[in-house]
Amino acid sequence: MVSTNDLKNGMVLDLDGQLWSVVWFQHHKPGKGNTVVRTKLKHVLSGKVVDKTFNSDTKVDTASVDRREMQYLYHDGSGFVFMDTGNYEQMTIPDAVVGDAKNYLLEEQTATVAIHEDNPLYIDLPASVELVITYTEPGLQGDRSTGGTKPATVETGLQIQVPLFLTTGEKVKVDTRTGEYLGRIGS
């Protein structure tokens, strides 16, 4: 339990059995009445953001969410197997928890896994990853100008839009939040 006066950004609260992360908070003293704490809370699993106001000095439950650096090993059919880089223990994370992160996961890549009461909640990936294009249509001569894009499939199976001059086998940088092409790696 913690007082609403002691809230901090990033703190995880357990409200009615749901886990909410504090995104923003502000103490507010209206002209009349008691001081209140306005908050912006993000649901840990769904990502939904809500505004909630608490009376000052209200007690709320906190949840302990352990964020561990883990290395992705392989997909075993029932889930994604990760290894804790600190103690080398392996954990299988269900496909539903991994979600869209699977489009950016390569074997031996590290990611941050959030765990609550031995249950994985979500996976935090780096802002961008480097992936190799496994297939794209060849560009035509003269397709060296900016502006045009074409579909390309990367090594994880994700399809992204890339500039016309890129070819199969080239390594590109991809934004893990939007799936957008960020640039070519090397030459």
Protein backbone atom coordinates (compact mmCIF):
# COMPACT_ATOMS: atom_id res chain seq x y z
CA MET A 1 0.00 0.00 0.00
CA VAL A 2 1.15 3.50 -0.79
CA SER A 3 -0.40 6.93 -0.33
CA THR A 4 -1.49 8.83 -3.45
CA ASN A 5 0.79 11.63 -2.22
CA ASP A 6 3.77 9.31 -2.87
CA LEU A 7 2.94 8.34 -6.49
CA LYS A 8 5.76 8.39 -9.03
CA ASN A 9 5.84 8.00 -12.82
CA GLY A 10 6.32 4.35 -13.81
CA MET A 11 4.87 2.99 -10.56
CA VAL A 12 2.44 0.08 -11.12
CA LEU A 13 -0.82 0.12 -9.17
CA ASP A 14 -3.22 -2.76 -8.53
CA LEU A 15 -6.71 -1.25 -8.81
CA ASP A 16 -9.60 -3.74 -8.54
CA GLY A 17 -7.38 -6.60 -9.70
CA GLN A 18 -6.16 -4.70 -12.78
CA LEU A 19 -2.58 -3.48 -13.22
CA TRP A 20 -2.15 0.20 -14.14
CA SER A 21 1.09 2.09 -14.70
CA VAL A 22 1.30 5.75 -13.63
CA VAL A 23 2.10 7.81 -16.74
CA TRP A 24 1.54 11.27 -15.22
CA PHE A 25 0.33 12.72 -11.93
CA GLN A 26 -0.35 16.16 -10.46
CA HIS A 27 -1.36 17.39 -7.03
CA HIS A 28 -4.25 19.87 -7.36
CA LYS A 29 -5.70 22.18 -4.71
CA PRO A 30 -9.06 23.53 -5.86
CA GLY A 31 -10.38 26.81 -4.43
CA LYS A 32 -12.75 24.94 -2.14
CA GLY A 33 -12.40 21.44 -0.78
CA ASN A 34 -9.59 19.02 -0.22
CA THR A 35 -6.46 18.50 -2.27
CA VAL A 36 -6.77 15.84 -4.98
CA VAL A 37 -4.24 13.92 -7.07
CA ARG A 38 -4.98 13.79 -10.80
CA THR A 39 -3.39 10.89 -12.64
CA LYS A 40 -3.10 9.46 -16.13
CA LEU A 41 -2.96 5.67 -15.87
CA LYS A 42 -2.05 3.15 -18.59
CA HIS A 43 -3.42 -0.40 -18.42
CA VAL A 44 -0.39 -2.70 -18.36
CA LEU A 45 -1.86 -5.39 -20.63
CA SER A 46 -4.15 -3.53 -23.06
CA GLY A 47 -2.32 -0.18 -23.23
CA LYS A 48 -5.57 1.73 -22.64
CA VAL A 49 -4.98 5.15 -21.01
CA VAL A 50 -7.49 6.66 -18.55
CA ASP A 51 -7.64 9.73 -16.33
CA LYS A 52 -8.35 9.06 -12.66
CA THR A 53 -8.61 11.45 -9.73
CA PHE A 54 -7.87 10.35 -6.15
CA ASN A 55 -8.47 12.21 -2.91
CA SER A 56 -5.20 13.29 -1.32
CA ASP A 57 -3.64 10.74 1.04
CA THR A 58 -5.82 7.84 -0.22
CA LYS A 59 -4.15 4.44 0.12
CA VAL A 60 -3.74 2.40 -3.10
CA ASP A 61 -2.24 -1.05 -3.69
CA THR A 62 1.02 -1.25 -5.58
CA ALA A 63 2.05 -4.22 -7.68
CA SER A 64 5.58 -5.48 -7.94
CA VAL A 65 6.47 -5.76 -11.61
CA ASP A 66 9.91 -7.20 -12.20
CA ARG A 67 11.56 -6.10 -15.45
CA ARG A 68 14.24 -8.58 -16.53
CA GLU A 69 16.70 -8.57 -19.40
CA MET A 70 16.06 -11.81 -21.27
CA GLN A 71 17.44 -13.34 -24.45
CA TYR A 72 15.09 -14.85 -27.03
CA LEU A 73 16.15 -18.42 -27.82
CA TYR A 74 13.51 -20.05 -30.05
CA HIS A 75 9.80 -20.67 -30.68
CA ASP A 76 8.76 -24.17 -29.57
CA GLY A 77 5.26 -24.28 -31.05
CA SER A 78 3.49 -23.44 -27.79
CA GLY A 79 5.32 -20.21 -27.07
CA PHE A 80 8.52 -18.20 -27.22
CA VAL A 81 11.39 -19.46 -25.04
CA PHE A 82 13.46 -16.76 -23.33
CA MET A 83 16.50 -17.10 -21.08
CA ASP A 84 17.11 -14.78 -18.12
CA THR A 85 20.55 -13.25 -18.75
CA GLY A 86 21.15 -12.97 -14.98
CA ASN A 87 20.51 -16.53 -13.75
CA TYR A 88 20.20 -18.46 -17.07
CA GLU A 89 16.72 -19.80 -16.23
CA GLN A 90 14.44 -20.38 -19.20
CA MET A 91 10.82 -19.22 -19.44
CA THR A 92 8.24 -19.99 -22.11
CA ILE A 93 6.11 -16.95 -22.90
CA PRO A 94 2.76 -17.61 -24.64
CA ASP A 95 2.17 -16.26 -28.16
CA ALA A 96 -0.65 -14.00 -26.88
CA VAL A 97 1.71 -12.21 -24.47
CA VAL A 98 4.41 -11.72 -27.11
CA GLY A 99 1.83 -10.35 -29.57
CA ASP A 100 3.19 -8.15 -32.37
CA ALA A 101 6.70 -8.23 -30.87
CA LYS A 102 7.13 -11.54 -32.71
CA ASN A 103 7.53 -9.55 -35.94
CA TYR A 104 10.79 -8.07 -34.63
CA LEU A 105 12.28 -10.96 -32.61
CA LEU A 106 15.40 -12.71 -33.85
CA GLU A 107 17.11 -15.59 -32.09
CA GLU A 108 19.67 -14.46 -29.48
CA GLN A 109 18.15 -10.94 -29.36
CA THR A 110 17.68 -9.41 -25.92
CA ALA A 111 14.46 -7.80 -24.73
CA THR A 112 13.00 -6.61 -21.44
CA VAL A 113 10.27 -8.88 -20.09
CA ALA A 114 7.89 -7.53 -17.43
CA ILE A 115 6.89 -10.21 -14.91
CA HIS A 116 4.25 -10.04 -12.14
CA GLU A 117 3.88 -12.98 -9.72
CA ASP A 118 5.82 -15.30 -12.10
CA ASN A 119 3.47 -14.41 -14.98
CA PRO A 120 4.93 -12.57 -18.00
CA LEU A 121 2.90 -9.43 -18.78
CA TYR A 122 4.53 -7.92 -21.88
CA ILE A 123 7.79 -7.58 -23.79
CA ASP A 124 9.63 -4.29 -24.30
CA LEU A 125 11.76 -4.26 -27.43
CA PRO A 126 14.40 -1.70 -28.38
CA ALA A 127 13.01 1.26 -30.38
CA SER A 128 14.44 -0.21 -33.59
CA VAL A 129 15.91 -3.47 -34.86
CA GLU A 130 18.06 -4.47 -37.82
CA LEU A 131 16.48 -7.05 -40.14
CA VAL A 132 17.53 -8.58 -43.47
CA ILE A 133 15.20 -8.34 -46.47
CA THR A 134 14.42 -11.91 -47.58
CA TYR A 135 12.31 -10.97 -50.59
CA THR A 136 11.39 -7.87 -52.56
CA GLU A 137 10.66 -7.23 -56.22
CA PRO A 138 13.69 -5.93 -58.11
CA GLY A 139 13.75 -2.19 -58.70
CA LEU A 140 13.72 -0.89 -62.24
CA GLN A 141 16.55 1.14 -63.73
CA GLY A 142 15.94 4.76 -62.85
CA ASP A 143 14.21 3.89 -59.56
CA ARG A 144 16.89 5.68 -57.58
CA SER A 145 14.90 8.77 -56.71
CA THR A 146 13.12 9.27 -53.41
CA GLY A 147 9.40 9.01 -52.95
CA GLY A 148 8.47 5.58 -54.28
CA THR A 149 8.09 2.51 -52.09
CA LYS A 150 7.51 -1.18 -52.60
CA PRO A 151 6.65 -4.08 -50.27
CA ALA A 152 9.48 -6.15 -48.83
CA THR A 153 9.46 -9.21 -46.57
CA VAL A 154 12.07 -9.31 -43.79
CA GLU A 155 13.58 -12.38 -42.08
CA THR A 156 10.88 -12.52 -39.36
CA GLY A 157 8.11 -12.72 -42.00
CA LEU A 158 6.95 -9.12 -41.48
CA GLN A 159 6.09 -7.17 -44.62
CA ILE A 160 7.18 -3.50 -44.67
CA GLN A 161 7.33 -0.71 -47.23
CA VAL A 162 10.86 0.15 -48.41
CA PRO A 163 12.32 2.53 -51.04
CA LEU A 164 12.45 1.24 -54.62
CA PHE A 165 16.27 0.96 -54.74
CA LEU A 166 16.55 -1.73 -52.01
CA THR A 167 17.15 -5.34 -53.03
CA THR A 168 16.87 -8.80 -51.45
CA GLY A 169 19.64 -9.52 -48.92
CA GLU A 170 20.11 -5.94 -47.72
CA LYS A 171 19.92 -5.13 -44.00
CA VAL A 172 17.47 -2.40 -42.93
CA LYS A 173 16.57 -0.66 -39.68
CA VAL A 174 12.87 -1.02 -38.69
CA ASP A 175 10.94 0.89 -36.01
CA THR A 176 9.46 -1.67 -33.56
CA ARG A 177 6.58 0.63 -32.55
CA THR A 178 5.24 1.43 -36.03
CA GLY A 179 6.85 -1.13 -38.35
CA GLU A 180 8.24 1.65 -40.55
CA TYR A 181 11.47 1.49 -42.53
CA LEU A 182 14.06 3.80 -40.90
CA GLY A 183 17.10 3.32 -43.11
CA ARG A 184 19.57 0.99 -44.76
CA ILE A 185 22.43 -0.52 -42.74
CA GLY A 186 25.82 -0.66 -44.43
CA SER A 187 26.16 -0.69 -48.18
